[in-house]
N, C-alpha and C. Protein backbone atom coordinates (compact mmCIF):
# COMPACT_ATOMS: atom_id res chain seq x y z
N MET A 1 2.38 21.29 -15.73
CA MET A 1 2.87 19.93 -15.49
C MET A 1 4.30 19.83 -16.03
N SER A 2 5.20 19.29 -15.26
CA SER A 2 6.59 19.20 -15.67
C SER A 2 6.78 18.06 -16.68
N ASP A 3 7.91 18.11 -17.40
CA ASP A 3 8.22 17.06 -18.38
C ASP A 3 8.36 15.71 -17.72
N LEU A 4 8.80 15.70 -16.46
CA LEU A 4 8.99 14.45 -15.74
C LEU A 4 7.67 13.71 -15.54
N ASN A 5 6.59 14.46 -15.31
CA ASN A 5 5.28 13.85 -15.09
C ASN A 5 4.54 13.52 -16.37
N LYS A 6 4.93 14.09 -17.50
CA LYS A 6 4.23 13.85 -18.76
C LYS A 6 4.39 12.42 -19.25
N LYS A 7 5.61 11.92 -19.25
CA LYS A 7 5.87 10.58 -19.75
C LYS A 7 6.57 9.76 -18.66
N ILE A 8 5.85 8.81 -18.12
CA ILE A 8 6.40 7.95 -17.07
C ILE A 8 7.16 6.81 -17.73
N PRO A 9 8.44 6.67 -17.44
CA PRO A 9 9.21 5.56 -18.02
C PRO A 9 8.65 4.21 -17.54
N GLU A 10 8.36 3.33 -18.45
CA GLU A 10 7.79 2.02 -18.12
C GLU A 10 8.93 1.05 -17.78
N LEU A 11 8.76 0.32 -16.69
CA LEU A 11 9.75 -0.68 -16.29
C LEU A 11 9.11 -2.06 -16.42
N GLU A 12 9.62 -2.86 -17.33
CA GLU A 12 9.17 -4.24 -17.46
C GLU A 12 10.15 -5.13 -16.71
N LEU A 13 9.68 -5.73 -15.62
CA LEU A 13 10.57 -6.54 -14.79
C LEU A 13 10.92 -7.83 -15.51
N LYS A 14 12.20 -8.17 -15.49
CA LYS A 14 12.71 -9.40 -16.11
C LYS A 14 13.59 -10.12 -15.10
N MET A 15 13.96 -11.33 -15.43
CA MET A 15 14.80 -12.11 -14.52
C MET A 15 16.24 -11.60 -14.51
N GLU A 16 16.72 -11.04 -15.61
CA GLU A 16 18.09 -10.55 -15.67
C GLU A 16 18.14 -9.07 -15.31
N PRO A 17 19.27 -8.61 -14.77
CA PRO A 17 19.41 -7.19 -14.42
C PRO A 17 19.29 -6.30 -15.65
N GLN A 18 18.74 -5.12 -15.47
CA GLN A 18 18.59 -4.16 -16.55
C GLN A 18 19.17 -2.82 -16.10
N LEU A 19 19.78 -2.12 -17.04
CA LEU A 19 20.40 -0.84 -16.72
C LEU A 19 19.35 0.26 -16.65
N LEU A 20 19.65 1.26 -15.85
CA LEU A 20 18.78 2.42 -15.68
C LEU A 20 19.44 3.64 -16.30
N ASP A 21 18.63 4.59 -16.73
CA ASP A 21 19.17 5.88 -17.15
C ASP A 21 18.76 6.93 -16.12
N TYR A 22 19.39 8.08 -16.20
CA TYR A 22 19.19 9.12 -15.19
C TYR A 22 17.73 9.58 -15.14
N LYS A 23 17.08 9.71 -16.29
CA LYS A 23 15.70 10.19 -16.34
C LYS A 23 14.75 9.21 -15.63
N THR A 24 14.97 7.93 -15.80
CA THR A 24 14.14 6.92 -15.15
C THR A 24 14.34 6.96 -13.64
N VAL A 25 15.58 7.02 -13.21
CA VAL A 25 15.89 7.08 -11.78
C VAL A 25 15.28 8.34 -11.18
N GLN A 26 15.37 9.44 -11.88
CA GLN A 26 14.82 10.70 -11.40
C GLN A 26 13.31 10.58 -11.19
N HIS A 27 12.63 9.83 -12.04
CA HIS A 27 11.18 9.67 -11.89
C HIS A 27 10.82 8.75 -10.71
N TYR A 28 11.52 7.63 -10.60
CA TYR A 28 11.15 6.61 -9.62
C TYR A 28 11.71 6.85 -8.23
N LEU A 29 12.81 7.56 -8.12
CA LEU A 29 13.47 7.76 -6.83
C LEU A 29 13.12 9.14 -6.27
N PRO A 30 12.61 9.19 -5.05
CA PRO A 30 12.27 10.49 -4.48
C PRO A 30 13.52 11.30 -4.17
N GLU A 31 13.35 12.62 -4.07
CA GLU A 31 14.48 13.49 -3.75
C GLU A 31 15.01 13.21 -2.36
N LYS A 32 14.10 12.98 -1.42
CA LYS A 32 14.49 12.72 -0.04
C LYS A 32 13.82 11.45 0.45
N TRP A 33 14.53 10.73 1.29
CA TRP A 33 13.96 9.54 1.94
C TRP A 33 13.53 9.96 3.33
N GLU A 34 12.24 10.02 3.54
CA GLU A 34 11.73 10.43 4.84
C GLU A 34 10.82 9.35 5.41
N MET A 35 10.69 9.36 6.72
CA MET A 35 9.75 8.45 7.38
C MET A 35 8.66 9.30 8.02
N LEU A 36 7.69 9.63 7.21
CA LEU A 36 6.61 10.51 7.66
C LEU A 36 5.44 9.73 8.26
N ARG A 37 5.50 8.39 8.19
CA ARG A 37 4.35 7.57 8.59
C ARG A 37 4.73 6.60 9.71
N ASN A 38 5.23 7.09 10.79
CA ASN A 38 5.55 6.26 11.96
C ASN A 38 6.38 5.02 11.62
N GLY A 39 7.56 5.23 11.05
CA GLY A 39 8.47 4.13 10.78
C GLY A 39 8.39 3.58 9.37
N LYS A 40 7.48 4.05 8.54
CA LYS A 40 7.40 3.61 7.14
C LYS A 40 8.09 4.64 6.26
N LEU A 41 8.92 4.15 5.33
CA LEU A 41 9.62 5.05 4.42
C LEU A 41 8.65 5.73 3.46
N LEU A 42 8.95 6.95 3.14
CA LEU A 42 8.24 7.77 2.16
C LEU A 42 6.82 8.10 2.60
N SER A 43 6.15 8.94 1.81
CA SER A 43 4.86 9.45 2.25
C SER A 43 3.68 8.55 1.90
N SER A 44 3.91 7.54 1.04
CA SER A 44 2.81 6.63 0.69
C SER A 44 3.38 5.27 0.28
N ASP A 45 2.54 4.25 0.36
CA ASP A 45 2.96 2.93 -0.11
C ASP A 45 3.23 2.94 -1.61
N GLN A 46 2.49 3.79 -2.36
CA GLN A 46 2.69 3.87 -3.80
C GLN A 46 4.11 4.37 -4.12
N GLU A 47 4.58 5.39 -3.40
CA GLU A 47 5.96 5.87 -3.59
C GLU A 47 6.97 4.77 -3.28
N LEU A 48 6.74 4.05 -2.22
CA LEU A 48 7.63 2.96 -1.81
C LEU A 48 7.65 1.85 -2.86
N GLN A 49 6.49 1.52 -3.42
CA GLN A 49 6.40 0.49 -4.46
C GLN A 49 7.15 0.90 -5.72
N LYS A 50 7.09 2.20 -6.08
CA LYS A 50 7.82 2.68 -7.25
C LYS A 50 9.32 2.47 -7.07
N VAL A 51 9.83 2.80 -5.89
CA VAL A 51 11.26 2.64 -5.62
C VAL A 51 11.64 1.16 -5.65
N LEU A 52 10.82 0.31 -5.03
CA LEU A 52 11.11 -1.12 -5.01
C LEU A 52 11.11 -1.69 -6.43
N LYS A 53 10.17 -1.28 -7.24
CA LYS A 53 10.10 -1.77 -8.63
C LYS A 53 11.36 -1.38 -9.38
N MET A 54 11.84 -0.14 -9.19
CA MET A 54 13.05 0.29 -9.87
C MET A 54 14.26 -0.53 -9.42
N ILE A 55 14.34 -0.84 -8.14
CA ILE A 55 15.47 -1.63 -7.62
C ILE A 55 15.44 -3.04 -8.18
N VAL A 56 14.27 -3.68 -8.20
CA VAL A 56 14.15 -5.03 -8.75
C VAL A 56 14.45 -5.02 -10.24
N TYR A 57 14.01 -3.99 -10.95
CA TYR A 57 14.32 -3.83 -12.38
C TYR A 57 15.82 -3.82 -12.59
N ASN A 58 16.53 -3.07 -11.77
CA ASN A 58 17.97 -2.92 -11.90
C ASN A 58 18.74 -4.17 -11.49
N LEU A 59 18.28 -4.85 -10.45
CA LEU A 59 18.95 -6.06 -9.97
C LEU A 59 18.59 -7.31 -10.78
N GLY A 60 17.36 -7.36 -11.25
CA GLY A 60 16.86 -8.55 -11.93
C GLY A 60 16.19 -9.47 -10.93
N GLY A 61 15.29 -10.31 -11.43
CA GLY A 61 14.50 -11.18 -10.57
C GLY A 61 15.24 -12.38 -10.04
N THR A 62 16.44 -12.64 -10.53
CA THR A 62 17.16 -13.82 -10.08
C THR A 62 18.04 -13.56 -8.87
N LYS A 63 18.22 -12.30 -8.51
CA LYS A 63 19.03 -11.98 -7.33
C LYS A 63 18.31 -12.41 -6.07
N LYS A 64 19.05 -12.96 -5.15
CA LYS A 64 18.49 -13.34 -3.86
C LYS A 64 18.80 -12.23 -2.87
N PHE A 65 17.79 -11.81 -2.15
CA PHE A 65 17.98 -10.78 -1.14
C PHE A 65 18.35 -11.47 0.15
N ARG A 66 19.57 -11.20 0.62
CA ARG A 66 20.07 -11.86 1.80
C ARG A 66 20.49 -10.82 2.81
N CYS A 67 20.14 -11.07 4.02
CA CYS A 67 20.50 -10.16 5.10
C CYS A 67 21.37 -10.94 6.09
N ASP A 68 22.62 -10.56 6.18
CA ASP A 68 23.56 -11.23 7.07
C ASP A 68 23.44 -10.60 8.46
N SER A 69 22.80 -11.31 9.38
CA SER A 69 22.53 -10.76 10.70
C SER A 69 23.80 -10.47 11.50
N LYS A 70 24.90 -11.11 11.19
CA LYS A 70 26.15 -10.85 11.90
C LYS A 70 26.73 -9.49 11.51
N ARG A 71 26.43 -9.02 10.31
CA ARG A 71 26.95 -7.76 9.84
C ARG A 71 26.07 -6.58 10.23
N ILE A 72 24.81 -6.84 10.50
CA ILE A 72 23.88 -5.76 10.81
C ILE A 72 23.70 -5.65 12.31
N ASN A 73 24.04 -4.50 12.86
CA ASN A 73 23.92 -4.30 14.29
C ASN A 73 22.80 -3.33 14.64
N HIS A 74 22.08 -2.84 13.65
CA HIS A 74 21.01 -1.89 13.88
C HIS A 74 19.75 -2.63 14.34
N ARG A 75 19.24 -2.21 15.47
CA ARG A 75 18.01 -2.81 15.99
C ARG A 75 16.98 -1.73 16.23
N VAL A 76 15.77 -2.00 15.84
CA VAL A 76 14.68 -1.06 16.06
C VAL A 76 14.05 -1.36 17.42
N PRO A 77 13.92 -0.34 18.27
CA PRO A 77 13.36 -0.60 19.61
C PRO A 77 11.91 -1.02 19.55
């Protein structure tokens, strides 16, 4: 078992943004972003949830997620 799997860094979500260290990012972020499940990112929902938790941890709970449709031209068929 690698050192990375021995101790999982705990992320306590708060309203304010929190800084990340390299070891935490290395644990929560996969090496590659793949769509192995017919349009769903990563190989499992659990992997996807880990990445989302890390992003919310870093941004903080008070950030509003906004998608400006005028700037995004990518459409999924």
